[in-house]
Amino acid sequence: MLGLIGKKIGMTSYFNELGYCIPCTVIKAGPCTVLQKKSIKKDGYYSIQLGFEEKKTKTNKPLLGHFNKFNSSPKKIIYEFVGNFLNSPGDVIKVDLFKENDKVDIVGRSKGKGFQGVVKRHGFSGVGEKTHGQHNRSRAPGSIGAGSDPSRVFKGTRMAGRMGGKRITIKNLNILKIDLKRNLLIVKGSIPGNKNSYLLIKIKK
């Protein structure tokens, strides 16, 4: 499954021919440079490695040697698409890879919300009201298990903890419009991540 690396620009509205307002997301997709092509004979599987955005900060020597080997400038984001593709190192893949009304899968990382309690993280209601001598139990988790048997907390019990910041895939999103000059994709619906976060856009087979 071939695709592109992109960056989320933000959300906007798109009006179709019937005048309906459709919420959509604007993505800067590519251009991506092919850095390396792998084969079964040499690497054990077929794939191509793509790089996205020029890296402005210093690059360590192992990565710099990798980029120099394939005559490429240092890239900020690198991703490997598995498959036997016709592209060669040095090729530039642009947004014209897609067509309007194509279905795509988009992979992103959701917004990190830090350490949260059970009310926000799992939708708990709290132990009870602030009457009957309770003054600090309105957002408490309550009991987390029995006492003498089993005398422990079961794994997977819903409790407070880190929330967000997970890799999420949204499938079967429809491409509404493509801007070839600015390498923009307008995709129906919302996509995980905040503005300027990086995405993987994969064409459906």
C-alpha atoms as a PDB file:
ATOM      1  CA  MET A   1       0.000   0.000   0.000  1.00  0.00           C
ATOM      2  CA  LEU A   2       1.726   3.169  -1.215  1.00  0.00           C
ATOM      3  CA  GLY A   3       1.086   6.564   0.302  1.00  0.00           C
ATOM      4  CA  LEU A   4       2.623   9.848   1.402  1.00  0.00           C
ATOM      5  CA  ILE A   5       3.814  11.534   4.562  1.00  0.00           C
ATOM      6  CA  GLY A   6       1.904  14.719   5.294  1.00  0.00           C
ATOM      7  CA  LYS A   7       1.232  17.460   7.811  1.00  0.00           C
ATOM      8  CA  LYS A   8      -2.115  18.518   9.249  1.00  0.00           C
ATOM      9  CA  ILE A   9      -2.850  22.175   8.433  1.00  0.00           C
ATOM     10  CA  GLY A  10      -6.242  22.449  10.148  1.00  0.00           C
ATOM     11  CA  MET A  11      -9.980  22.085   9.644  1.00  0.00           C
ATOM     12  CA  THR A  12     -12.323  24.048   7.386  1.00  0.00           C
ATOM     13  CA  SER A  13     -15.683  23.764   5.618  1.00  0.00           C
ATOM     14  CA  TYR A  14     -16.303  22.574   2.080  1.00  0.00           C
ATOM     15  CA  PHE A  15     -19.502  23.284   0.144  1.00  0.00           C
ATOM     16  CA  ASN A  16     -20.474  20.684  -2.441  1.00  0.00           C
ATOM     17  CA  GLU A  17     -22.558  21.152  -5.605  1.00  0.00           C
ATOM     18  CA  LEU A  18     -25.833  20.853  -3.649  1.00  0.00           C
ATOM     19  CA  GLY A  19     -24.786  23.557  -1.207  1.00  0.00           C
ATOM     20  CA  TYR A  20     -24.248  21.242   1.769  1.00  0.00           C
ATOM     21  CA  CYS A  21     -21.553  22.277   4.244  1.00  0.00           C
ATOM     22  CA  ILE A  22     -19.108  19.401   4.846  1.00  0.00           C
ATOM     23  CA  PRO A  23     -16.527  19.562   7.680  1.00  0.00           C
ATOM     24  CA  CYS A  24     -13.115  18.594   6.348  1.00  0.00           C
ATOM     25  CA  THR A  25      -9.405  18.617   7.120  1.00  0.00           C
ATOM     26  CA  VAL A  26      -6.661  20.250   5.058  1.00  0.00           C
ATOM     27  CA  ILE A  27      -3.421  18.237   4.774  1.00  0.00           C
ATOM     28  CA  LYS A  28      -0.130  19.177   3.157  1.00  0.00           C
ATOM     29  CA  ALA A  29       0.767  15.862   1.493  1.00  0.00           C
ATOM     30  CA  GLY A  30       4.354  15.654   0.285  1.00  0.00           C
ATOM     31  CA  PRO A  31       6.402  16.164  -1.741  1.00  0.00           C
ATOM     32  CA  CYS A  32       8.253  13.092  -0.459  1.00  0.00           C
ATOM     33  CA  THR A  33      11.651  11.923  -1.689  1.00  0.00           C
ATOM     34  CA  VAL A  34      12.408   8.226  -2.177  1.00  0.00           C
ATOM     35  CA  LEU A  35      15.506   7.618  -0.035  1.00  0.00           C
ATOM     36  CA  GLN A  36      15.949   3.862  -0.349  1.00  0.00           C
ATOM     37  CA  LYS A  37      14.431   0.908  -2.173  1.00  0.00           C
ATOM     38  CA  LYS A  38      14.579  -2.528  -0.550  1.00  0.00           C
ATOM     39  CA  SER A  39      14.306  -5.897  -2.282  1.00  0.00           C
ATOM     40  CA  ILE A  40      13.840  -9.523  -1.297  1.00  0.00           C
ATOM     41  CA  LYS A  41      17.300 -10.432  -2.633  1.00  0.00           C
ATOM     42  CA  LYS A  42      19.145  -7.926  -0.456  1.00  0.00           C
ATOM     43  CA  ASP A  43      16.820  -7.134   2.465  1.00  0.00           C
ATOM     44  CA  GLY A  44      14.320  -9.993   2.566  1.00  0.00           C
ATOM     45  CA  TYR A  45      11.267  -7.945   1.592  1.00  0.00           C
ATOM     46  CA  TYR A  46      10.114  -5.221  -0.806  1.00  0.00           C
ATOM     47  CA  SER A  47       9.635  -1.625   0.362  1.00  0.00           C
ATOM     48  CA  ILE A  48      10.522   1.986  -0.321  1.00  0.00           C
ATOM     49  CA  GLN A  49      11.671   4.510   2.251  1.00  0.00           C
ATOM     50  CA  LEU A  50      10.291   8.054   1.971  1.00  0.00           C
ATOM     51  CA  GLY A  51      11.569  11.272   3.516  1.00  0.00           C
ATOM     52  CA  PHE A  52       9.484  14.374   4.203  1.00  0.00           C
ATOM     53  CA  GLU A  53      10.545  17.980   4.977  1.00  0.00           C
ATOM     54  CA  GLU A  54      14.079  19.286   5.101  1.00  0.00           C
ATOM     55  CA  LYS A  55      15.761  18.906   8.480  1.00  0.00           C
ATOM     56  CA  LYS A  56      17.090  22.247   9.728  1.00  0.00           C
ATOM     57  CA  THR A  57      18.813  20.995  12.888  1.00  0.00           C
ATOM     58  CA  LYS A  58      22.021  18.951  13.003  1.00  0.00           C
ATOM     59  CA  THR A  59      21.890  15.294  11.947  1.00  0.00           C
ATOM     60  CA  ASN A  60      23.931  12.591  13.669  1.00  0.00           C
ATOM     61  CA  LYS A  61      26.634  10.819  11.641  1.00  0.00           C
ATOM     62  CA  PRO A  62      24.896   7.433  11.136  1.00  0.00           C
ATOM     63  CA  LEU A  63      21.791   9.116   9.681  1.00  0.00           C
ATOM     64  CA  LEU A  64      23.886  11.586   7.695  1.00  0.00           C
ATOM     65  CA  GLY A  65      25.777   8.685   6.140  1.00  0.00           C
ATOM     66  CA  HIS A  66      22.451   7.063   5.225  1.00  0.00           C
ATOM     67  CA  PHE A  67      21.249  10.234   3.480  1.00  0.00           C
ATOM     68  CA  ASN A  68      24.581  10.746   1.690  1.00  0.00           C
ATOM     69  CA  LYS A  69      24.536   7.144   0.456  1.00  0.00           C
ATOM     70  CA  PHE A  70      21.343   7.854  -1.473  1.00  0.00           C
ATOM     71  CA  ASN A  71      22.342  11.432  -2.485  1.00  0.00           C
ATOM     72  CA  SER A  72      19.641  13.089  -0.404  1.00  0.00           C
ATOM     73  CA  SER A  73      19.566  16.013   1.985  1.00  0.00           C
ATOM     74  CA  PRO A  74      18.637  15.203   5.635  1.00  0.00           C
ATOM     75  CA  LYS A  75      14.896  14.715   6.104  1.00  0.00           C
ATOM     76  CA  LYS A  76      12.848  15.386   9.214  1.00  0.00           C
ATOM     77  CA  ILE A  77      10.400  12.452   8.917  1.00  0.00           C
ATOM     78  CA  ILE A  78      11.251   9.014   7.474  1.00  0.00           C
ATOM     79  CA  TYR A  79       8.748   6.222   6.862  1.00  0.00           C
ATOM     80  CA  GLU A  80       8.835   2.916   5.015  1.00  0.00           C
ATOM     81  CA  PHE A  81       5.967   1.698   2.830  1.00  0.00           C
ATOM     82  CA  VAL A  82       6.030  -2.073   2.353  1.00  0.00           C
ATOM     83  CA  GLY A  83       5.411  -3.328  -1.185  1.00  0.00           C
ATOM     84  CA  ASN A  84       7.018  -3.807  -4.591  1.00  0.00           C
ATOM     85  CA  PHE A  85       6.834  -0.340  -6.169  1.00  0.00           C
ATOM     86  CA  LEU A  86       8.355   1.007  -9.379  1.00  0.00           C
ATOM     87  CA  ASN A  87       9.868   4.113  -7.762  1.00  0.00           C
ATOM     88  CA  SER A  88      13.651   4.519  -7.512  1.00  0.00           C
ATOM     89  CA  PRO A  89      15.870   6.426  -5.030  1.00  0.00           C
ATOM     90  CA  GLY A  90      15.813  10.129  -5.835  1.00  0.00           C
ATOM     91  CA  ASP A  91      12.257  10.127  -7.202  1.00  0.00           C
ATOM     92  CA  VAL A  92       9.884  12.732  -5.809  1.00  0.00           C
ATOM     93  CA  ILE A  93       6.317  11.609  -5.070  1.00  0.00           C
ATOM     94  CA  LYS A  94       3.750  14.403  -5.015  1.00  0.00           C
ATOM     95  CA  VAL A  95       0.085  14.786  -4.208  1.00  0.00           C
ATOM     96  CA  ASP A  96      -0.885  13.815  -7.773  1.00  0.00           C
ATOM     97  CA  LEU A  97      -0.529  10.233  -6.487  1.00  0.00           C
ATOM     98  CA  PHE A  98      -4.134  10.645  -5.303  1.00  0.00           C
ATOM     99  CA  LYS A  99      -7.348  11.385  -7.152  1.00  0.00           C
ATOM    100  CA  GLU A 100     -10.562  13.051  -6.061  1.00  0.00           C
ATOM    101  CA  ASN A 101     -13.087  10.656  -4.443  1.00  0.00           C
ATOM    102  CA  ASP A 102     -10.312   8.177  -3.593  1.00  0.00           C
ATOM    103  CA  LYS A 103     -10.563   6.388  -0.247  1.00  0.00           C
ATOM    104  CA  VAL A 104      -7.561   6.742   2.062  1.00  0.00           C
ATOM    105  CA  ASP A 105      -6.476   5.517   5.499  1.00  0.00           C
ATOM    106  CA  ILE A 106      -4.835   8.214   7.618  1.00  0.00           C
ATOM    107  CA  VAL A 107      -2.580   7.449  10.586  1.00  0.00           C
ATOM    108  CA  GLY A 108      -1.905  10.123  13.192  1.00  0.00           C
ATOM    109  CA  ARG A 109      -1.108  10.579  16.868  1.00  0.00           C
ATOM    110  CA  SER A 110      -3.915  11.910  19.036  1.00  0.00           C
ATOM    111  CA  LYS A 111      -3.504  14.972  21.253  1.00  0.00           C
ATOM    112  CA  GLY A 112      -1.787  14.230  24.548  1.00  0.00           C
ATOM    113  CA  LYS A 113      -3.879  15.262  27.564  1.00  0.00           C
ATOM    114  CA  GLY A 114      -1.442  14.369  30.329  1.00  0.00           C
ATOM    115  CA  PHE A 115      -2.263  12.549  33.570  1.00  0.00           C
ATOM    116  CA  GLN A 116      -6.045  12.566  34.049  1.00  0.00           C
ATOM    117  CA  GLY A 117      -8.484  11.247  36.622  1.00  0.00           C
ATOM    118  CA  VAL A 118     -11.184   8.625  36.145  1.00  0.00           C
ATOM    119  CA  VAL A 119     -13.976  11.151  35.480  1.00  0.00           C
ATOM    120  CA  LYS A 120     -12.305  12.611  32.410  1.00  0.00           C
ATOM    121  CA  ARG A 121     -10.448   9.469  31.302  1.00  0.00           C
ATOM    122  CA  HIS A 122     -13.244   6.891  31.651  1.00  0.00           C
ATOM    123  CA  GLY A 123     -16.422   8.886  32.217  1.00  0.00           C
ATOM    124  CA  PHE A 124     -16.934   7.923  35.880  1.00  0.00           C
ATOM    125  CA  SER A 125     -19.568   9.825  37.891  1.00  0.00           C
ATOM    126  CA  GLY A 126     -17.653  10.008  41.153  1.00  0.00           C
ATOM    127  CA  VAL A 127     -18.520   8.352  44.461  1.00  0.00           C
ATOM    128  CA  GLY A 128     -21.422  10.562  45.469  1.00  0.00           C
ATOM    129  CA  GLU A 129     -22.629  13.986  46.504  1.00  0.00           C
ATOM    130  CA  LYS A 130     -20.935  16.285  48.985  1.00  0.00           C
ATOM    131  CA  THR A 131     -23.494  15.616  51.740  1.00  0.00           C
ATOM    132  CA  HIS A 132     -23.400  13.068  54.591  1.00  0.00           C
ATOM    133  CA  GLY A 133     -19.928  14.089  55.712  1.00  0.00           C
ATOM    134  CA  GLN A 134     -18.275  13.768  52.271  1.00  0.00           C
ATOM    135  CA  HIS A 135     -16.349  16.783  51.090  1.00  0.00           C
ATOM    136  CA  ASN A 136     -13.750  15.487  48.581  1.00  0.00           C
ATOM    137  CA  ARG A 137     -15.304  12.438  46.885  1.00  0.00           C
ATOM    138  CA  SER A 138     -17.143  14.008  43.935  1.00  0.00           C
ATOM    139  CA  ARG A 139     -14.450  12.939  41.418  1.00  0.00           C
ATOM    140  CA  ALA A 140     -13.001   9.943  43.262  1.00  0.00           C
ATOM    141  CA  PRO A 141     -12.794   6.471  41.650  1.00  0.00           C
ATOM    142  CA  GLY A 142     -14.314   4.590  44.592  1.00  0.00           C
ATOM    143  CA  SER A 143     -13.524   0.946  45.325  1.00  0.00           C
ATOM    144  CA  ILE A 144     -10.959  -0.746  43.073  1.00  0.00           C
ATOM    145  CA  GLY A 145     -11.473  -4.333  44.273  1.00  0.00           C
ATOM    146  CA  ALA A 146     -12.449  -6.667  47.095  1.00  0.00           C
ATOM    147  CA  GLY A 147     -10.495  -6.831  50.351  1.00  0.00           C
ATOM    148  CA  SER A 148      -9.559 -10.304  51.563  1.00  0.00           C
ATOM    149  CA  ASP A 149     -10.298 -12.120  48.314  1.00  0.00           C
ATOM    150  CA  PRO A 150      -8.541 -11.689  45.866  1.00  0.00           C
ATOM    151  CA  SER A 151      -6.480  -9.211  47.958  1.00  0.00           C
ATOM    152  CA  ARG A 152      -5.126  -7.492  44.877  1.00  0.00           C
ATOM    153  CA  VAL A 153      -6.137  -5.157  42.057  1.00  0.00           C
ATOM    154  CA  PHE A 154      -6.893  -6.884  38.757  1.00  0.00           C
ATOM    155  CA  LYS A 155      -4.890  -5.889  35.702  1.00  0.00           C
ATOM    156  CA  GLY A 156      -6.815  -3.623  33.360  1.00  0.00           C
ATOM    157  CA  THR A 157      -8.862  -1.941  36.099  1.00  0.00           C
ATOM    158  CA  ARG A 158      -9.910   1.495  34.886  1.00  0.00           C
ATOM    159  CA  MET A 159      -8.011   4.041  36.950  1.00  0.00           C
ATOM    160  CA  ALA A 160      -6.328   7.432  36.573  1.00  0.00           C
ATOM    161  CA  GLY A 161      -3.390   7.653  34.172  1.00  0.00           C
ATOM    162  CA  ARG A 162      -1.907   9.082  30.999  1.00  0.00           C
ATOM    163  CA  MET A 163      -4.498  10.025  28.421  1.00  0.00           C
ATOM    164  CA  GLY A 164      -4.144  10.635  24.681  1.00  0.00           C
ATOM    165  CA  GLY A 165      -0.935  10.590  22.661  1.00  0.00           C
ATOM    166  CA  LYS A 166      -1.806   7.300  20.957  1.00  0.00           C
ATOM    167  CA  ARG A 167      -1.347   6.183  17.359  1.00  0.00           C
ATOM    168  CA  ILE A 168      -4.783   6.160  15.712  1.00  0.00           C
ATOM    169  CA  THR A 169      -5.848   5.081  12.213  1.00  0.00           C
ATOM    170  CA  ILE A 170      -8.970   6.559  10.607  1.00  0.00           C
ATOM    171  CA  LYS A 171     -10.109   4.390   7.687  1.00  0.00           C
ATOM    172  CA  ASN A 172     -12.031   5.034   4.456  1.00  0.00           C
ATOM    173  CA  LEU A 173     -11.814   8.819   4.412  1.00  0.00           C
ATOM    174  CA  ASN A 174     -12.974  10.427   1.191  1.00  0.00           C
ATOM    175  CA  ILE A 175     -10.775  12.922  -0.705  1.00  0.00           C
ATOM    176  CA  LEU A 176     -12.963  15.891  -1.612  1.00  0.00           C
ATOM    177  CA  LYS A 177     -10.448  18.061  -3.450  1.00  0.00           C
ATOM    178  CA  ILE A 178      -6.759  18.192  -4.434  1.00  0.00           C
ATOM    179  CA  ASP A 179      -4.628  21.321  -4.858  1.00  0.00           C
ATOM    180  CA  LEU A 180      -1.694  20.283  -7.058  1.00  0.00           C
ATOM    181  CA  LYS A 181       0.092  23.653  -6.887  1.00  0.00           C
ATOM    182  CA  ARG A 182       0.291  23.740  -3.089  1.00  0.00           C
ATOM    183  CA  ASN A 183       0.342  19.949  -2.491  1.00  0.00           C
ATOM    184  CA  LEU A 184      -2.863  20.068  -0.454  1.00  0.00           C
ATOM    185  CA  LEU A 185      -5.446  17.368   0.194  1.00  0.00           C
ATOM    186  CA  ILE A 186      -8.921  18.218   1.458  1.00  0.00           C
ATOM    187  CA  VAL A 187     -10.308  15.158   3.241  1.00  0.00           C
ATOM    188  CA  LYS A 188     -13.822  14.707   4.586  1.00  0.00           C
ATOM    189  CA  GLY A 189     -14.087  14.547   8.378  1.00  0.00           C
ATOM    190  CA  SER A 190     -11.647  14.961  11.239  1.00  0.00           C
ATOM    191  CA  ILE A 191      -8.188  13.484  11.722  1.00  0.00           C
ATOM    192  CA  PRO A 192      -6.321  12.807  14.997  1.00  0.00           C
ATOM    193  CA  GLY A 193      -3.606  15.196  16.132  1.00  0.00           C
ATOM    194  CA  ASN A 194      -3.115  18.911  16.549  1.00  0.00           C
ATOM    195  CA  LYS A 195      -2.122  21.431  13.887  1.00  0.00           C
ATOM    196  CA  ASN A 196       1.262  20.812  12.236  1.00  0.00           C
ATOM    197  CA  SER A 197       1.317  17.188  13.429  1.00  0.00           C
ATOM    198  CA  TYR A 198       2.623  14.588  10.976  1.00  0.00           C
ATOM    199  CA  LEU A 199       0.405  12.026   9.267  1.00  0.00           C
ATOM    200  CA  LEU A 200       0.656   8.959   7.056  1.00  0.00           C
ATOM    201  CA  ILE A 201      -1.786   8.912   4.129  1.00  0.00           C
ATOM    202  CA  LYS A 202      -2.237   5.462   2.616  1.00  0.00           C
ATOM    203  CA  ILE A 203      -4.200   4.604  -0.538  1.00  0.00           C
ATOM    204  CA  LYS A 204      -6.804   1.908  -0.076  1.00  0.00           C
ATOM    205  CA  LYS A 205      -6.120  -1.258  -2.070  1.00  0.00           C
END
